[in-house]
Structures are given as C-alpha cells and as structure tokens.
C-alpha atoms as a PDB file:
ATOM      1  CA  MET A   1      73.740  92.875  90.190  1.00  0.00           C
ATOM      2  CA  ARG A   2      76.689  94.256  88.216  1.00  0.00           C
ATOM      3  CA  GLY A   3      78.573  95.065  91.397  1.00  0.00           C
ATOM      4  CA  HIS A   4      78.040  91.568  92.740  1.00  0.00           C
ATOM      5  CA  ALA A   5      79.088  90.049  89.411  1.00  0.00           C
ATOM      6  CA  SER A   6      82.262  92.141  89.459  1.00  0.00           C
ATOM      7  CA  VAL A   7      83.271  90.589  92.766  1.00  0.00           C
ATOM      8  CA  TYR A   8      83.358  87.209  91.016  1.00  0.00           C
ATOM      9  CA  ILE A   9      85.114  88.661  87.968  1.00  0.00           C
ATOM     10  CA  VAL A  10      87.844  90.073  90.222  1.00  0.00           C
ATOM     11  CA  ALA A  11      88.043  86.811  92.208  1.00  0.00           C
ATOM     12  CA  ALA A  12      88.464  84.902  88.932  1.00  0.00           C
ATOM     13  CA  GLU A  13      91.215  87.283  87.793  1.00  0.00           C
ATOM     14  CA  LEU A  14      93.014  86.873  91.127  1.00  0.00           C
ATOM     15  CA  SER A  15      92.732  83.080  90.839  1.00  0.00           C
ATOM     16  CA  ARG A  16      94.096  83.243  87.295  1.00  0.00           C
ATOM     17  CA  ARG A  17      97.080  85.125  88.702  1.00  0.00           C
ATOM     18  CA  GLY A  18      97.783  82.385  91.259  1.00  0.00           C
ATOM     19  CA  PHE A  19      96.037  83.761  94.336  1.00  0.00           C
ATOM     20  CA  ILE A  20      93.478  81.991  96.497  1.00  0.00           C
ATOM     21  CA  ALA A  21      90.435  84.298  96.440  1.00  0.00           C
ATOM     22  CA  SER A  22      87.272  83.873  98.466  1.00  0.00           C
ATOM     23  CA  PRO A  23      84.314  86.268  98.110  1.00  0.00           C
ATOM     24  CA  THR A  24      82.816  87.268 101.460  1.00  0.00           C
ATOM     25  CA  SER A  25      79.148  87.483 102.348  1.00  0.00           C
ATOM     26  CA  ARG A  26      77.436  90.677 101.255  1.00  0.00           C
ATOM     27  CA  SER A  27      77.233  91.751 104.891  1.00  0.00           C
ATOM     28  CA  ALA A  28      81.021  92.045 105.291  1.00  0.00           C
ATOM     29  CA  ARG A  29      81.838  95.719 105.744  1.00  0.00           C
ATOM     30  CA  GLY A  30      84.691  96.837 103.528  1.00  0.00           C
ATOM     31  CA  ALA A  31      85.929  93.490 102.226  1.00  0.00           C
ATOM     32  CA  ASP A  32      84.341  91.839  99.207  1.00  0.00           C
ATOM     33  CA  ILE A  33      87.127  89.287  98.714  1.00  0.00           C
ATOM     34  CA  LEU A  34      89.664  87.745 101.071  1.00  0.00           C
ATOM     35  CA  VAL A  35      92.877  86.816  99.276  1.00  0.00           C
ATOM     36  CA  THR A  36      96.050  84.917 100.116  1.00  0.00           C
ATOM     37  CA  ASP A  37      99.062  83.718  98.187  1.00  0.00           C
ATOM     38  CA  GLN A  38      99.583  80.005  97.484  1.00  0.00           C
ATOM     39  CA  ASN A  39     101.789  79.617 100.590  1.00  0.00           C
ATOM     40  CA  CYS A  40      99.291  81.443 102.850  1.00  0.00           C
ATOM     41  CA  LYS A  41     102.039  83.829 103.948  1.00  0.00           C
ATOM     42  CA  HIS A  42     100.387  87.054 102.752  1.00  0.00           C
ATOM     43  CA  ALA A  43      96.715  87.835 103.242  1.00  0.00           C
ATOM     44  CA  TYR A  44      94.786  90.749 101.755  1.00  0.00           C
ATOM     45  CA  SER A  45      91.297  92.176 101.800  1.00  0.00           C
ATOM     46  CA  VAL A  46      89.841  93.568  98.589  1.00  0.00           C
ATOM     47  CA  GLN A  47      86.975  96.025  98.144  1.00  0.00           C
ATOM     48  CA  VAL A  48      85.486  96.006  94.631  1.00  0.00           C
ATOM     49  CA  LYS A  49      83.764  99.065  93.161  1.00  0.00           C
ATOM     50  CA  THR A  50      82.127  98.855  89.745  1.00  0.00           C
ATOM     51  CA  ASN A  51      80.850 100.948  86.876  1.00  0.00           C
ATOM     52  CA  ALA A  52      78.938  99.286  84.075  1.00  0.00           C
ATOM     53  CA  LYS A  53      80.325 101.662  81.477  1.00  0.00           C
ATOM     54  CA  ASN A  54      83.414 103.725  80.898  1.00  0.00           C
ATOM     55  CA  ALA A  55      82.386 106.167  83.635  1.00  0.00           C
ATOM     56  CA  SER A  56      84.898 108.639  84.979  1.00  0.00           C
ATOM     57  CA  PHE A  57      84.357 107.871  88.693  1.00  0.00           C
ATOM     58  CA  TRP A  58      83.304 105.255  91.271  1.00  0.00           C
ATOM     59  CA  LEU A  59      81.064 105.821  94.277  1.00  0.00           C
ATOM     60  CA  LEU A  60      82.550 105.172  97.706  1.00  0.00           C
ATOM     61  CA  SER A  61      80.958 104.848 101.124  1.00  0.00           C
ATOM     62  CA  PRO A  62      81.759 107.165 104.035  1.00  0.00           C
ATOM     63  CA  HIS A  63      83.590 104.205 105.657  1.00  0.00           C
ATOM     64  CA  THR A  64      86.330 104.417 103.014  1.00  0.00           C
ATOM     65  CA  LYS A  65      88.361 106.839 105.144  1.00  0.00           C
ATOM     66  CA  GLU A  66      88.308 104.384 108.060  1.00  0.00           C
ATOM     67  CA  MET A  67      89.149 101.268 106.043  1.00  0.00           C
ATOM     68  CA  VAL A  68      92.870 101.913 105.594  1.00  0.00           C
ATOM     69  CA  SER A  69      95.447  99.157 105.974  1.00  0.00           C
ATOM     70  CA  PRO A  70      98.647  98.137 104.175  1.00  0.00           C
ATOM     71  CA  THR A  71      96.884  94.885 103.210  1.00  0.00           C
ATOM     72  CA  HIS A  72      93.540  96.389 102.116  1.00  0.00           C
ATOM     73  CA  VAL A  73      93.209  97.341  98.449  1.00  0.00           C
ATOM     74  CA  TYR A  74      90.491  98.585  96.120  1.00  0.00           C
ATOM     75  CA  VAL A  75      89.866  97.076  92.723  1.00  0.00           C
ATOM     76  CA  LEU A  76      87.916  99.630  90.707  1.00  0.00           C
ATOM     77  CA  VAL A  77      86.273  98.012  87.698  1.00  0.00           C
ATOM     78  CA  ASN A  78      84.844  99.465  84.504  1.00  0.00           C
ATOM     79  CA  ILE A  79      82.733  96.939  82.594  1.00  0.00           C
ATOM     80  CA  LEU A  80      83.257  97.815  78.947  1.00  0.00           C
ATOM     81  CA  LYS A  81      81.873  96.393  75.701  1.00  0.00           C
ATOM     82  CA  GLU A  82      85.334  95.071  74.860  1.00  0.00           C
ATOM     83  CA  GLY A  83      86.072  93.663  78.327  1.00  0.00           C
ATOM     84  CA  TYR A  84      87.108  95.032  81.697  1.00  0.00           C
ATOM     85  CA  ALA A  85      89.376  97.797  82.922  1.00  0.00           C
ATOM     86  CA  PHE A  86      90.870  97.226  86.391  1.00  0.00           C
ATOM     87  CA  TYR A  87      92.450  99.826  88.670  1.00  0.00           C
ATOM     88  CA  ILE A  88      94.135  98.292  91.732  1.00  0.00           C
ATOM     89  CA  ALA A  89      94.820 100.970  94.341  1.00  0.00           C
ATOM     90  CA  PRO A  90      95.970 100.833  97.968  1.00  0.00           C
ATOM     91  CA  SER A  91      93.296 101.789 100.498  1.00  0.00           C
ATOM     92  CA  LYS A  92      95.387 104.683 101.828  1.00  0.00           C
ATOM     93  CA  VAL A  93      95.551 106.200  98.326  1.00  0.00           C
ATOM     94  CA  VAL A  94      91.804 105.853  97.785  1.00  0.00           C
ATOM     95  CA  ALA A  95      91.051 107.363 101.216  1.00  0.00           C
ATOM     96  CA  ARG A  96      93.400 110.290 100.598  1.00  0.00           C
ATOM     97  CA  ARG A  97      92.246 111.057  97.046  1.00  0.00           C
ATOM     98  CA  MET A  98      88.471 110.601  97.359  1.00  0.00           C
ATOM     99  CA  ASP A  99      86.097 113.503  96.740  1.00  0.00           C
ATOM    100  CA  GLY A 100      83.016 114.450  98.704  1.00  0.00           C
ATOM    101  CA  PRO A 101      80.924 114.369 100.672  1.00  0.00           C
ATOM    102  CA  VAL A 102      77.873 114.759  98.461  1.00  0.00           C
ATOM    103  CA  THR A 103      74.432 114.343  99.990  1.00  0.00           C
ATOM    104  CA  GLN A 104      71.971 112.641  97.697  1.00  0.00           C
ATOM    105  CA  GLY A 105      68.529 111.873  99.049  1.00  0.00           C
ATOM    106  CA  LYS A 106      69.037 110.361 102.497  1.00  0.00           C
ATOM    107  CA  GLY A 107      72.590 109.218 101.823  1.00  0.00           C
ATOM    108  CA  THR A 108      76.002 110.808 101.849  1.00  0.00           C
ATOM    109  CA  TRP A 109      78.450 109.573  99.248  1.00  0.00           C
ATOM    110  CA  TYR A 110      82.010 110.058  98.217  1.00  0.00           C
ATOM    111  CA  SER A 111      83.669 109.306  94.919  1.00  0.00           C
ATOM    112  CA  ILE A 112      87.027 108.845  93.310  1.00  0.00           C
ATOM    113  CA  SER A 113      87.729 109.786  89.726  1.00  0.00           C
ATOM    114  CA  ARG A 114      89.564 107.629  87.222  1.00  0.00           C
ATOM    115  CA  GLU A 115      92.009 110.504  86.797  1.00  0.00           C
ATOM    116  CA  LYS A 116      93.064 110.148  90.451  1.00  0.00           C
ATOM    117  CA  VAL A 117      93.855 106.430  90.087  1.00  0.00           C
ATOM    118  CA  LYS A 118      94.993 106.213  86.468  1.00  0.00           C
ATOM    119  CA  GLU A 119      98.525 105.159  87.460  1.00  0.00           C
ATOM    120  CA  PHE A 120      97.031 102.064  89.134  1.00  0.00           C
ATOM    121  CA  LYS A 121      95.534 100.597  85.957  1.00  0.00           C
ATOM    122  CA  ASP A 122      96.286  96.848  85.904  1.00  0.00           C
ATOM    123  CA  LYS A 123      98.648  97.154  88.918  1.00  0.00           C
ATOM    124  CA  TRP A 124      97.937  93.634  90.178  1.00  0.00           C
ATOM    125  CA  GLU A 125     101.482  93.450  91.487  1.00  0.00           C
ATOM    126  CA  LEU A 126     100.410  95.731  94.367  1.00  0.00           C
ATOM    127  CA  LEU A 127      98.922  92.647  95.994  1.00  0.00           C
ATOM    128  CA  GLU A 128     102.300  90.973  95.874  1.00  0.00           C
ATOM    129  CA  GLU A 129     103.895  94.033  97.514  1.00  0.00           C
ATOM    130  CA  ALA A 130     101.283  94.614 100.246  1.00  0.00           C
END
C-alpha cells in the first residue's frame, strides 16, 4: 500500500509544481504516472519506487534495463517521519547504476543505492529538461 500511496504523493508534488500528472493503472509496465507540462508540449513517464523508512536502497525489476528513454524518469521516495525525500533520476542513469541480479525465492531483483543517486535529490527540474 505504501508504494501505491507514493504514486499519489508524487503526482500531487508534480501538480504542485505546475505539471499535469495522471497515475496509470497498476497494470502499466514501467510507468506509474504520465506527466505533461501545462502546454502539452512535453510528455514524460514516471516510475515511482518507495521505501517506508530511510533505507539505503530501492528494489528494481529486471525490466529497468529495458525501460530507458530520454522522457522516462524514476522518482525514488523515502517516506520519513518528518516528511518525504525525493530522488528524481533519468532512466538511463538508473539502468546504468543498478546493482544485481539477486535471486530471492522465485524472483530475481535488482536494486539501486541512495549513494548512487544522491546527486538527484529534489532534482525536479530534470522533468523540465527531458
């Protein structure tokens, strides 16, 4: 539920910043939110990954390496007691810097550490540049 809630938290933050943000259905592969500017001249897809604490990494799916586009970004969210920490990183950076694979049970997962995306903290302007 926290991950789903974070999609709406990110959509609200994007709306606050003047974007039109529309969460997708949960079945959409790779895009949790579709975003455009007020003039509908720039469109983006956003994948949201969430931790409910100040964890040092986020889990990623194996599809992360395939989901690379100049207009596809990741918003990595830490839900903290005092609020939220957002890391806004281009998909090509996430795909290049992710760790793994790690097999756990029947699944194979990848991850990306906060250290590898620390320069993208609160970099909302990346959406304006994409």
